[in-house]
All heavy atoms as atom14 arrays in JSON, in Angstrom:
{
  "sequence": "LGVREIIDDLNYYDMLKNFCKFFVSMGYSGFMINLDEAINLYKIGTAA",
  "atom14_mask": [
    [1, 1, 1, 1, 1, 1, 1, 1, 0, 0, 0, 0, 0, 0],
    [1, 1, 1, 1, 0, 0, 0, 0, 0, 0, 0, 0, 0, 0],
    [1, 1, 1, 1, 1, 1, 1, 0, 0, 0, 0, 0, 0, 0],
    [1, 1, 1, 1, 1, 1, 1, 1, 1, 1, 1, 0, 0, 0],
    [1, 1, 1, 1, 1, 1, 1, 1, 1, 0, 0, 0, 0, 0],
    [1, 1, 1, 1, 1, 1, 1, 1, 0, 0, 0, 0, 0, 0],
    [1, 1, 1, 1, 1, 1, 1, 1, 0, 0, 0, 0, 0, 0],
    [1, 1, 1, 1, 1, 1, 1, 1, 0, 0, 0, 0, 0, 0],
    [1, 1, 1, 1, 1, 1, 1, 1, 0, 0, 0, 0, 0, 0],
    [1, 1, 1, 1, 1, 1, 1, 1, 0, 0, 0, 0, 0, 0],
    [1, 1, 1, 1, 1, 1, 1, 1, 0, 0, 0, 0, 0, 0],
    [1, 1, 1, 1, 1, 1, 1, 1, 1, 1, 1, 1, 0, 0],
    [1, 1, 1, 1, 1, 1, 1, 1, 1, 1, 1, 1, 0, 0],
    [1, 1, 1, 1, 1, 1, 1, 1, 0, 0, 0, 0, 0, 0],
    [1, 1, 1, 1, 1, 1, 1, 1, 0, 0, 0, 0, 0, 0],
    [1, 1, 1, 1, 1, 1, 1, 1, 0, 0, 0, 0, 0, 0],
    [1, 1, 1, 1, 1, 1, 1, 1, 1, 0, 0, 0, 0, 0],
    [1, 1, 1, 1, 1, 1, 1, 1, 0, 0, 0, 0, 0, 0],
    [1, 1, 1, 1, 1, 1, 1, 1, 1, 1, 1, 0, 0, 0],
    [1, 1, 1, 1, 1, 1, 0, 0, 0, 0, 0, 0, 0, 0],
    [1, 1, 1, 1, 1, 1, 1, 1, 1, 0, 0, 0, 0, 0],
    [1, 1, 1, 1, 1, 1, 1, 1, 1, 1, 1, 0, 0, 0],
    [1, 1, 1, 1, 1, 1, 1, 1, 1, 1, 1, 0, 0, 0],
    [1, 1, 1, 1, 1, 1, 1, 0, 0, 0, 0, 0, 0, 0],
    [1, 1, 1, 1, 1, 1, 0, 0, 0, 0, 0, 0, 0, 0],
    [1, 1, 1, 1, 1, 1, 1, 1, 0, 0, 0, 0, 0, 0],
    [1, 1, 1, 1, 0, 0, 0, 0, 0, 0, 0, 0, 0, 0],
    [1, 1, 1, 1, 1, 1, 1, 1, 1, 1, 1, 1, 0, 0],
    [1, 1, 1, 1, 1, 1, 0, 0, 0, 0, 0, 0, 0, 0],
    [1, 1, 1, 1, 0, 0, 0, 0, 0, 0, 0, 0, 0, 0],
    [1, 1, 1, 1, 1, 1, 1, 1, 1, 1, 1, 0, 0, 0],
    [1, 1, 1, 1, 1, 1, 1, 1, 0, 0, 0, 0, 0, 0],
    [1, 1, 1, 1, 1, 1, 1, 1, 0, 0, 0, 0, 0, 0],
    [1, 1, 1, 1, 1, 1, 1, 1, 0, 0, 0, 0, 0, 0],
    [1, 1, 1, 1, 1, 1, 1, 1, 0, 0, 0, 0, 0, 0],
    [1, 1, 1, 1, 1, 1, 1, 1, 0, 0, 0, 0, 0, 0],
    [1, 1, 1, 1, 1, 1, 1, 1, 1, 0, 0, 0, 0, 0],
    [1, 1, 1, 1, 1, 0, 0, 0, 0, 0, 0, 0, 0, 0],
    [1, 1, 1, 1, 1, 1, 1, 1, 0, 0, 0, 0, 0, 0],
    [1, 1, 1, 1, 1, 1, 1, 1, 0, 0, 0, 0, 0, 0],
    [1, 1, 1, 1, 1, 1, 1, 1, 0, 0, 0, 0, 0, 0],
    [1, 1, 1, 1, 1, 1, 1, 1, 1, 1, 1, 1, 0, 0],
    [1, 1, 1, 1, 1, 1, 1, 1, 1, 0, 0, 0, 0, 0],
    [1, 1, 1, 1, 1, 1, 1, 1, 0, 0, 0, 0, 0, 0],
    [1, 1, 1, 1, 0, 0, 0, 0, 0, 0, 0, 0, 0, 0],
    [1, 1, 1, 1, 1, 1, 1, 0, 0, 0, 0, 0, 0, 0],
    [1, 1, 1, 1, 1, 0, 0, 0, 0, 0, 0, 0, 0, 0],
    [1, 1, 1, 1, 1, 0, 0, 0, 0, 0, 0, 0, 0, 0]
  ],
  "atom14_positions": [
    [[0.78, -1.24, -0.01], [0.0, -0.01, 0.0], [0.83, 1.29, -0.01], [0.27, 2.39, -0.17], [-0.94, 0.02, 1.23], [-1.98, -1.11, 1.27], [-2.56, -1.21, 2.68], [-3.08, -0.85, 0.26], [0.0, 0.0, 0.0], [0.0, 0.0, 0.0], [0.0, 0.0, 0.0], [0.0, 0.0, 0.0], [0.0, 0.0, 0.0], [0.0, 0.0, 0.0]],
    [[2.14, 1.16, 0.23], [2.97, 2.36, 0.26], [2.84, 3.2, 1.52], [3.18, 4.38, 1.5], [0.0, 0.0, 0.0], [0.0, 0.0, 0.0], [0.0, 0.0, 0.0], [0.0, 0.0, 0.0], [0.0, 0.0, 0.0], [0.0, 0.0, 0.0], [0.0, 0.0, 0.0], [0.0, 0.0, 0.0], [0.0, 0.0, 0.0], [0.0, 0.0, 0.0]],
    [[2.39, 2.59, 2.6], [2.24, 3.33, 3.85], [3.42, 3.05, 4.78], [4.14, 2.04, 4.64], [0.94, 2.93, 4.6], [-0.29, 3.37, 3.82], [0.86, 1.42, 4.83], [0.0, 0.0, 0.0], [0.0, 0.0, 0.0], [0.0, 0.0, 0.0], [0.0, 0.0, 0.0], [0.0, 0.0, 0.0], [0.0, 0.0, 0.0], [0.0, 0.0, 0.0]],
    [[3.66, 3.97, 5.72], [4.81, 3.85, 6.61], [4.5, 3.08, 7.88], [5.41, 2.5, 8.49], [5.3, 5.26, 6.98], [5.76, 6.1, 5.8], [5.99, 7.54, 6.19], [4.76, 8.14, 6.73], [4.65, 9.43, 7.09], [5.73, 10.2, 7.08], [3.53, 9.91, 7.54], [0.0, 0.0, 0.0], [0.0, 0.0, 0.0], [0.0, 0.0, 0.0]],
    [[3.25, 3.12, 8.28], [2.87, 2.54, 9.6], [1.81, 1.5, 9.46], [1.14, 1.37, 8.4], [2.38, 3.65, 10.54], [3.4, 4.75, 10.81], [4.6, 4.27, 11.62], [4.45, 3.28, 12.34], [5.65, 4.89, 11.51], [0.0, 0.0, 0.0], [0.0, 0.0, 0.0], [0.0, 0.0, 0.0], [0.0, 0.0, 0.0], [0.0, 0.0, 0.0]],
    [[1.6, 0.73, 10.53], [0.49, -0.21, 10.61], [-0.23, 0.05, 11.93], [0.28, 0.74, 12.81], [0.94, -1.67, 10.55], [1.91, -1.98, 11.68], [1.52, -2.01, 9.17], [2.29, -3.46, 11.79], [0.0, 0.0, 0.0], [0.0, 0.0, 0.0], [0.0, 0.0, 0.0], [0.0, 0.0, 0.0], [0.0, 0.0, 0.0], [0.0, 0.0, 0.0]],
    [[-1.41, -0.51, 12.06], [-2.16, -0.36, 13.31], [-1.62, -1.42, 14.28], [-1.5, -2.6, 13.95], [-3.66, -0.59, 13.06], [-4.19, 0.52, 12.16], [-4.43, -0.6, 14.37], [-5.6, 0.28, 11.62], [0.0, 0.0, 0.0], [0.0, 0.0, 0.0], [0.0, 0.0, 0.0], [0.0, 0.0, 0.0], [0.0, 0.0, 0.0], [0.0, 0.0, 0.0]],
    [[-1.25, -0.97, 15.47], [-0.6, -1.87, 16.45], [-1.12, -1.61, 17.85], [-2.09, -0.88, 18.05], [0.93, -1.68, 16.37], [1.37, -0.26, 16.63], [0.63, 0.51, 17.29], [2.48, 0.11, 16.19], [0.0, 0.0, 0.0], [0.0, 0.0, 0.0], [0.0, 0.0, 0.0], [0.0, 0.0, 0.0], [0.0, 0.0, 0.0], [0.0, 0.0, 0.0]],
    [[-0.45, -2.22, 18.83], [-0.88, -2.12, 20.24], [-0.89, -0.66, 20.73], [-1.68, -0.34, 21.6], [0.05, -2.93, 21.12], [-0.13, -4.43, 20.93], [-1.16, -4.85, 20.41], [0.81, -5.16, 21.29], [0.0, 0.0, 0.0], [0.0, 0.0, 0.0], [0.0, 0.0, 0.0], [0.0, 0.0, 0.0], [0.0, 0.0, 0.0], [0.0, 0.0, 0.0]],
    [[-0.02, 0.16, 20.18], [0.12, 1.52, 20.67], [-0.87, 2.51, 20.08], [-1.29, 3.46, 20.75], [1.56, 2.02, 20.41], [2.67, 1.27, 21.13], [4.01, 1.83, 20.73], [2.5, 1.37, 22.64], [0.0, 0.0, 0.0], [0.0, 0.0, 0.0], [0.0, 0.0, 0.0], [0.0, 0.0, 0.0], [0.0, 0.0, 0.0], [0.0, 0.0, 0.0]],
    [[-1.3, 2.3, 18.82], [-2.11, 3.34, 18.17], [-3.55, 2.9, 17.84], [-4.31, 3.69, 17.26], [-1.41, 3.81, 16.9], [-1.31, 2.7, 15.83], [-1.95, 1.67, 15.9], [-0.41, 2.95, 14.85], [0.0, 0.0, 0.0], [0.0, 0.0, 0.0], [0.0, 0.0, 0.0], [0.0, 0.0, 0.0], [0.0, 0.0, 0.0], [0.0, 0.0, 0.0]],
    [[-3.93, 1.69, 18.19], [-5.26, 1.2, 17.78], [-6.39, 2.04, 18.36], [-7.41, 2.23, 17.7], [-5.44, -0.29, 18.13], [-5.78, -0.54, 19.59], [-7.1, -0.52, 20.03], [-4.8, -0.8, 20.52], [-7.41, -0.74, 21.37], [-5.09, -1.01, 21.83], [-6.39, -0.98, 22.28], [-6.71, -1.15, 23.59], [0.0, 0.0, 0.0], [0.0, 0.0, 0.0]],
    [[-6.21, 2.52, 19.59], [-7.29, 3.32, 20.2], [-7.47, 4.63, 19.43], [-8.6, 5.08, 19.23], [-6.99, 3.58, 21.67], [-7.93, 4.55, 22.36], [-9.3, 4.3, 22.41], [-7.45, 5.72, 22.96], [-10.18, 5.19, 23.03], [-8.31, 6.59, 23.59], [-9.67, 6.32, 23.62], [-10.52, 7.22, 24.23], [0.0, 0.0, 0.0], [0.0, 0.0, 0.0]],
    [[-6.37, 5.25, 19.0], [-6.48, 6.46, 18.16], [-7.19, 6.17, 16.85], [-7.97, 7.01, 16.37], [-5.08, 7.03, 17.91], [-4.38, 7.53, 19.11], [-5.04, 8.24, 19.91], [-3.19, 7.2, 19.33], [0.0, 0.0, 0.0], [0.0, 0.0, 0.0], [0.0, 0.0, 0.0], [0.0, 0.0, 0.0], [0.0, 0.0, 0.0], [0.0, 0.0, 0.0]],
    [[-6.98, 4.99, 16.32], [-7.66, 4.63, 15.07], [-9.15, 4.44, 15.31], [-9.97, 4.82, 14.44], [-7.04, 3.37, 14.48], [-7.29, 3.18, 13.01], [-6.71, 4.57, 11.99], [-4.96, 4.57, 12.4], [0.0, 0.0, 0.0], [0.0, 0.0, 0.0], [0.0, 0.0, 0.0], [0.0, 0.0, 0.0], [0.0, 0.0, 0.0], [0.0, 0.0, 0.0]],
    [[-9.54, 3.92, 16.47], [-10.96, 3.8, 16.8], [-11.59, 5.19, 16.87], [-12.73, 5.39, 16.42], [-11.16, 3.04, 18.11], [-10.86, 1.55, 18.1], [-10.93, 0.97, 19.51], [-11.83, 0.81, 17.17], [0.0, 0.0, 0.0], [0.0, 0.0, 0.0], [0.0, 0.0, 0.0], [0.0, 0.0, 0.0], [0.0, 0.0, 0.0], [0.0, 0.0, 0.0]],
    [[-10.86, 6.15, 17.41], [-11.37, 7.53, 17.49], [-11.51, 8.12, 16.09], [-12.46, 8.87, 15.81], [-10.49, 8.39, 18.4], [-10.57, 8.0, 19.88], [-9.91, 9.01, 20.76], [-8.42, 8.93, 20.7], [-7.75, 9.82, 21.67], [0.0, 0.0, 0.0], [0.0, 0.0, 0.0], [0.0, 0.0, 0.0], [0.0, 0.0, 0.0], [0.0, 0.0, 0.0]],
    [[-10.57, 7.82, 15.22], [-10.66, 8.26, 13.82], [-11.91, 7.69, 13.17], [-12.66, 8.4, 12.48], [-9.43, 7.8, 13.02], [-8.19, 8.6, 13.33], [-8.25, 9.68, 13.92], [-7.04, 8.07, 12.97], [0.0, 0.0, 0.0], [0.0, 0.0, 0.0], [0.0, 0.0, 0.0], [0.0, 0.0, 0.0], [0.0, 0.0, 0.0], [0.0, 0.0, 0.0]],
    [[-12.16, 6.41, 13.4], [-13.31, 5.78, 12.8], [-14.61, 6.4, 13.37], [-15.62, 6.52, 12.66], [-13.31, 4.27, 13.01], [-12.66, 3.53, 11.9], [-11.43, 2.88, 12.07], [-13.24, 3.47, 10.65], [-10.84, 2.21, 11.03], [-12.64, 2.81, 9.58], [-11.43, 2.17, 9.8], [0.0, 0.0, 0.0], [0.0, 0.0, 0.0], [0.0, 0.0, 0.0]],
    [[-14.59, 6.76, 14.65], [-15.79, 7.38, 15.23], [-16.13, 8.67, 14.49], [-17.26, 8.89, 14.09], [-15.54, 7.67, 16.72], [-16.94, 8.36, 17.58], [0.0, 0.0, 0.0], [0.0, 0.0, 0.0], [0.0, 0.0, 0.0], [0.0, 0.0, 0.0], [0.0, 0.0, 0.0], [0.0, 0.0, 0.0], [0.0, 0.0, 0.0], [0.0, 0.0, 0.0]],
    [[-15.08, 9.53, 14.25], [-15.32, 10.75, 13.49], [-15.74, 10.46, 12.06], [-16.57, 11.14, 11.48], [-14.05, 11.58, 13.5], [-13.74, 12.27, 14.83], [-12.57, 13.2, 14.67], [-12.3, 14.0, 15.93], [-11.18, 14.96, 15.75], [0.0, 0.0, 0.0], [0.0, 0.0, 0.0], [0.0, 0.0, 0.0], [0.0, 0.0, 0.0], [0.0, 0.0, 0.0]],
    [[-15.15, 9.43, 11.5], [-15.47, 8.99, 10.14], [-16.96, 8.64, 9.99], [-17.65, 9.11, 9.1], [-14.58, 7.8, 9.81], [-14.72, 7.23, 8.41], [-14.18, 7.91, 7.34], [-15.35, 6.05, 8.18], [-14.27, 7.39, 6.04], [-15.47, 5.52, 6.95], [-14.93, 6.21, 5.84], [0.0, 0.0, 0.0], [0.0, 0.0, 0.0], [0.0, 0.0, 0.0]],
    [[-17.45, 7.86, 10.97], [-18.85, 7.44, 10.92], [-19.8, 8.63, 11.12], [-20.84, 8.73, 10.46], [-19.14, 6.36, 11.97], [-18.35, 5.11, 11.8], [-17.89, 4.38, 12.92], [-18.03, 4.63, 10.55], [-17.16, 3.22, 12.75], [-17.27, 3.45, 10.37], [-16.84, 2.75, 11.49], [0.0, 0.0, 0.0], [0.0, 0.0, 0.0], [0.0, 0.0, 0.0]],
    [[-19.45, 9.52, 12.04], [-20.28, 10.69, 12.28], [-20.3, 11.61, 11.07], [-21.35, 12.18, 10.71], [-19.79, 11.47, 13.53], [-20.53, 12.81, 13.7], [-19.98, 10.63, 14.81], [0.0, 0.0, 0.0], [0.0, 0.0, 0.0], [0.0, 0.0, 0.0], [0.0, 0.0, 0.0], [0.0, 0.0, 0.0], [0.0, 0.0, 0.0], [0.0, 0.0, 0.0]],
    [[-19.17, 11.71, 10.35], [-19.13, 12.56, 9.16], [-20.06, 12.02, 8.08], [-20.49, 12.76, 7.18], [-17.69, 12.64, 8.61], [-17.3, 11.45, 7.95], [0.0, 0.0, 0.0], [0.0, 0.0, 0.0], [0.0, 0.0, 0.0], [0.0, 0.0, 0.0], [0.0, 0.0, 0.0], [0.0, 0.0, 0.0], [0.0, 0.0, 0.0], [0.0, 0.0, 0.0]],
    [[-20.39, 10.74, 8.14], [-21.29, 10.11, 7.15], [-22.75, 10.33, 7.51], [-23.63, 9.98, 6.73], [-21.01, 8.6, 7.1], [-19.67, 8.23, 6.57], [-19.38, 6.45, 6.71], [-20.69, 5.8, 5.73], [0.0, 0.0, 0.0], [0.0, 0.0, 0.0], [0.0, 0.0, 0.0], [0.0, 0.0, 0.0], [0.0, 0.0, 0.0], [0.0, 0.0, 0.0]],
    [[-23.02, 10.82, 8.72], [-24.38, 11.04, 9.15], [-24.86, 10.09, 10.23], [-26.03, 10.17, 10.64], [0.0, 0.0, 0.0], [0.0, 0.0, 0.0], [0.0, 0.0, 0.0], [0.0, 0.0, 0.0], [0.0, 0.0, 0.0], [0.0, 0.0, 0.0], [0.0, 0.0, 0.0], [0.0, 0.0, 0.0], [0.0, 0.0, 0.0], [0.0, 0.0, 0.0]],
    [[-23.97, 9.21, 10.74], [-24.39, 8.33, 11.83], [-24.33, 9.09, 13.16], [-23.63, 10.12, 13.3], [-23.47, 7.1, 11.89], [-23.79, 6.12, 10.77], [-23.12, 6.18, 9.54], [-24.79, 5.15, 10.95], [-23.45, 5.29, 8.53], [-25.11, 4.27, 9.93], [-24.45, 4.35, 8.71], [-24.75, 3.48, 7.71], [0.0, 0.0, 0.0], [0.0, 0.0, 0.0]],
    [[-25.08, 8.59, 14.11], [-25.19, 9.28, 15.41], [-23.93, 9.18, 16.25], [-23.65, 10.07, 17.08], [-26.36, 8.68, 16.22], [-27.57, 8.8, 15.51], [0.0, 0.0, 0.0], [0.0, 0.0, 0.0], [0.0, 0.0, 0.0], [0.0, 0.0, 0.0], [0.0, 0.0, 0.0], [0.0, 0.0, 0.0], [0.0, 0.0, 0.0], [0.0, 0.0, 0.0]],
    [[-23.16, 8.12, 16.07], [-21.96, 7.9, 16.85], [-21.49, 6.48, 16.69], [-21.99, 5.72, 15.85], [0.0, 0.0, 0.0], [0.0, 0.0, 0.0], [0.0, 0.0, 0.0], [0.0, 0.0, 0.0], [0.0, 0.0, 0.0], [0.0, 0.0, 0.0], [0.0, 0.0, 0.0], [0.0, 0.0, 0.0], [0.0, 0.0, 0.0], [0.0, 0.0, 0.0]],
    [[-20.49, 6.12, 17.52], [-19.87, 4.8, 17.45], [-19.96, 4.21, 18.85], [-19.46, 4.8, 19.82], [-18.42, 4.94, 17.02], [-17.67, 3.67, 16.76], [-18.35, 2.47, 16.5], [-16.28, 3.65, 16.72], [-17.65, 1.28, 16.25], [-15.59, 2.48, 16.47], [-16.27, 1.31, 16.24], [0.0, 0.0, 0.0], [0.0, 0.0, 0.0], [0.0, 0.0, 0.0]],
    [[-20.63, 3.05, 18.96], [-20.72, 2.36, 20.28], [-19.96, 1.06, 20.23], [-20.12, 0.25, 19.31], [-22.18, 2.1, 20.63], [-22.34, 1.55, 22.06], [-24.03, 1.2, 22.52], [-24.26, -0.43, 21.78], [0.0, 0.0, 0.0], [0.0, 0.0, 0.0], [0.0, 0.0, 0.0], [0.0, 0.0, 0.0], [0.0, 0.0, 0.0], [0.0, 0.0, 0.0]],
    [[-19.11, 0.84, 21.24], [-18.29, -0.35, 21.33], [-18.59, -1.08, 22.63], [-18.5, -0.48, 23.73], [-16.78, -0.01, 21.3], [-16.47, 0.76, 20.0], [-15.94, -1.28, 21.35], [-15.05, 1.37, 19.98], [0.0, 0.0, 0.0], [0.0, 0.0, 0.0], [0.0, 0.0, 0.0], [0.0, 0.0, 0.0], [0.0, 0.0, 0.0], [0.0, 0.0, 0.0]],
    [[-18.97, -2.35, 22.56], [-19.24, -3.15, 23.75], [-18.09, -4.11, 23.99], [-17.7, -4.87, 23.08], [-20.52, -3.97, 23.57], [-21.76, -3.09, 23.54], [-21.74, -1.96, 24.03], [-22.84, -3.57, 22.94], [0.0, 0.0, 0.0], [0.0, 0.0, 0.0], [0.0, 0.0, 0.0], [0.0, 0.0, 0.0], [0.0, 0.0, 0.0], [0.0, 0.0, 0.0]],
    [[-17.54, -4.11, 25.19], [-16.42, -4.97, 25.55], [-16.84, -5.85, 26.71], [-16.98, -5.38, 27.87], [-15.2, -4.1, 25.93], [-14.69, -3.21, 24.78], [-13.64, -2.25, 25.29], [-14.15, -4.04, 23.63], [0.0, 0.0, 0.0], [0.0, 0.0, 0.0], [0.0, 0.0, 0.0], [0.0, 0.0, 0.0], [0.0, 0.0, 0.0], [0.0, 0.0, 0.0]],
    [[-17.03, -7.1, 26.43], [-17.58, -8.06, 27.41], [-16.44, -8.94, 27.97], [-15.33, -8.91, 27.49], [-18.65, -8.94, 26.75], [-19.62, -9.57, 27.74], [-19.38, -9.45, 28.96], [-20.6, -10.17, 27.27], [0.0, 0.0, 0.0], [0.0, 0.0, 0.0], [0.0, 0.0, 0.0], [0.0, 0.0, 0.0], [0.0, 0.0, 0.0], [0.0, 0.0, 0.0]],
    [[-16.79, -9.72, 28.99], [-15.84, -10.68, 29.63], [-14.65, -9.99, 30.23], [-13.48, -10.45, 30.05], [-15.41, -11.75, 28.59], [-16.57, -12.52, 27.99], [-17.31, -13.41, 28.99], [-16.79, -13.63, 30.11], [-18.41, -13.88, 28.66], [0.0, 0.0, 0.0], [0.0, 0.0, 0.0], [0.0, 0.0, 0.0], [0.0, 0.0, 0.0], [0.0, 0.0, 0.0]],
    [[-14.89, -8.94, 31.0], [-13.77, -8.24, 31.65], [-13.07, -9.12, 32.68], [-11.98, -8.75, 33.17], [-14.29, -6.95, 32.34], [0.0, 0.0, 0.0], [0.0, 0.0, 0.0], [0.0, 0.0, 0.0], [0.0, 0.0, 0.0], [0.0, 0.0, 0.0], [0.0, 0.0, 0.0], [0.0, 0.0, 0.0], [0.0, 0.0, 0.0], [0.0, 0.0, 0.0]],
    [[-13.64, -10.28, 33.0], [-12.97, -11.25, 33.88], [-11.61, -11.6, 33.35], [-10.67, -11.91, 34.13], [-13.86, -12.53, 34.06], [-13.24, -13.48, 35.07], [-14.06, -13.21, 32.72], [-13.28, -13.02, 36.45], [0.0, 0.0, 0.0], [0.0, 0.0, 0.0], [0.0, 0.0, 0.0], [0.0, 0.0, 0.0], [0.0, 0.0, 0.0], [0.0, 0.0, 0.0]],
    [[-11.41, -11.5, 32.03], [-10.1, -11.85, 31.45], [-9.05, -10.77, 31.64], [-7.85, -11.04, 31.48], [-10.26, -12.19, 29.96], [-10.86, -13.56, 29.75], [-10.31, -14.55, 30.16], [-12.06, -13.6, 29.16], [0.0, 0.0, 0.0], [0.0, 0.0, 0.0], [0.0, 0.0, 0.0], [0.0, 0.0, 0.0], [0.0, 0.0, 0.0], [0.0, 0.0, 0.0]],
    [[-9.46, -9.57, 32.04], [-8.45, -8.56, 32.49], [-8.1, -8.83, 33.94], [-6.96, -8.78, 34.34], [-9.03, -7.15, 32.35], [-9.41, -6.69, 30.93], [-9.88, -5.25, 30.96], [-8.23, -6.85, 29.99], [0.0, 0.0, 0.0], [0.0, 0.0, 0.0], [0.0, 0.0, 0.0], [0.0, 0.0, 0.0], [0.0, 0.0, 0.0], [0.0, 0.0, 0.0]],
    [[-9.11, -9.18, 34.73], [-8.95, -9.53, 36.14], [-7.99, -10.72, 36.31], [-7.24, -10.8, 37.26], [-10.34, -9.83, 36.68], [-10.46, -10.42, 38.06], [-10.69, -9.59, 39.15], [-10.43, -11.79, 38.26], [-10.86, -10.13, 40.44], [-10.58, -12.33, 39.51], [-10.81, -11.51, 40.61], [-10.98, -12.04, 41.84], [0.0, 0.0, 0.0], [0.0, 0.0, 0.0]],
    [[-8.02, -11.64, 35.32], [-7.24, -12.87, 35.4], [-5.8, -12.7, 34.9], [-5.03, -13.67, 34.95], [-7.93, -13.98, 34.63], [-9.17, -14.51, 35.31], [-10.1, -15.23, 34.34], [-9.44, -16.38, 33.64], [-10.4, -17.08, 32.75], [0.0, 0.0, 0.0], [0.0, 0.0, 0.0], [0.0, 0.0, 0.0], [0.0, 0.0, 0.0], [0.0, 0.0, 0.0]],
    [[-5.43, -11.54, 34.41], [-4.06, -11.33, 33.92], [-3.11, -11.61, 35.11], [-3.24, -11.08, 36.2], [-3.84, -9.89, 33.41], [-4.7, -9.7, 32.13], [-2.38, -9.62, 33.13], [-4.68, -8.27, 31.6], [0.0, 0.0, 0.0], [0.0, 0.0, 0.0], [0.0, 0.0, 0.0], [0.0, 0.0, 0.0], [0.0, 0.0, 0.0], [0.0, 0.0, 0.0]],
    [[-2.13, -12.46, 34.86], [-1.3, -12.98, 35.95], [-0.39, -11.96, 36.62], [-0.29, -11.93, 37.84], [0.0, 0.0, 0.0], [0.0, 0.0, 0.0], [0.0, 0.0, 0.0], [0.0, 0.0, 0.0], [0.0, 0.0, 0.0], [0.0, 0.0, 0.0], [0.0, 0.0, 0.0], [0.0, 0.0, 0.0], [0.0, 0.0, 0.0], [0.0, 0.0, 0.0]],
    [[0.27, -11.11, 35.84], [1.21, -10.19, 36.42], [0.52, -8.88, 36.82], [-0.23, -8.28, 36.02], [2.35, -9.85, 35.45], [1.8, -9.36, 34.22], [3.15, -11.1, 35.15], [0.0, 0.0, 0.0], [0.0, 0.0, 0.0], [0.0, 0.0, 0.0], [0.0, 0.0, 0.0], [0.0, 0.0, 0.0], [0.0, 0.0, 0.0], [0.0, 0.0, 0.0]],
    [[0.76, -8.43, 38.03], [0.11, -7.22, 38.54], [0.43, -5.99, 37.69], [-0.42, -5.15, 37.45], [0.55, -6.98, 39.99], [0.0, 0.0, 0.0], [0.0, 0.0, 0.0], [0.0, 0.0, 0.0], [0.0, 0.0, 0.0], [0.0, 0.0, 0.0], [0.0, 0.0, 0.0], [0.0, 0.0, 0.0], [0.0, 0.0, 0.0], [0.0, 0.0, 0.0]],
    [[1.67, -5.89, 37.19], [2.08, -4.74, 36.4], [1.29, -4.66, 35.09], [0.82, -3.58, 34.69], [3.56, -4.79, 36.1], [0.0, 0.0, 0.0], [0.0, 0.0, 0.0], [0.0, 0.0, 0.0], [0.0, 0.0, 0.0], [0.0, 0.0, 0.0], [0.0, 0.0, 0.0], [0.0, 0.0, 0.0], [0.0, 0.0, 0.0], [0.0, 0.0, 0.0]]
  ]
}
């Protein structure tokens, strides 16, 4: 594609915000994201 960057662990949230603006510019009301099973964050082994 001739691009310099890819979407990764560091910038994916910024890309979600870009898409939110993208959808609103098309006439949609907004962007809703549902994140379920938060138990899997609780179960992360290392405290850090």
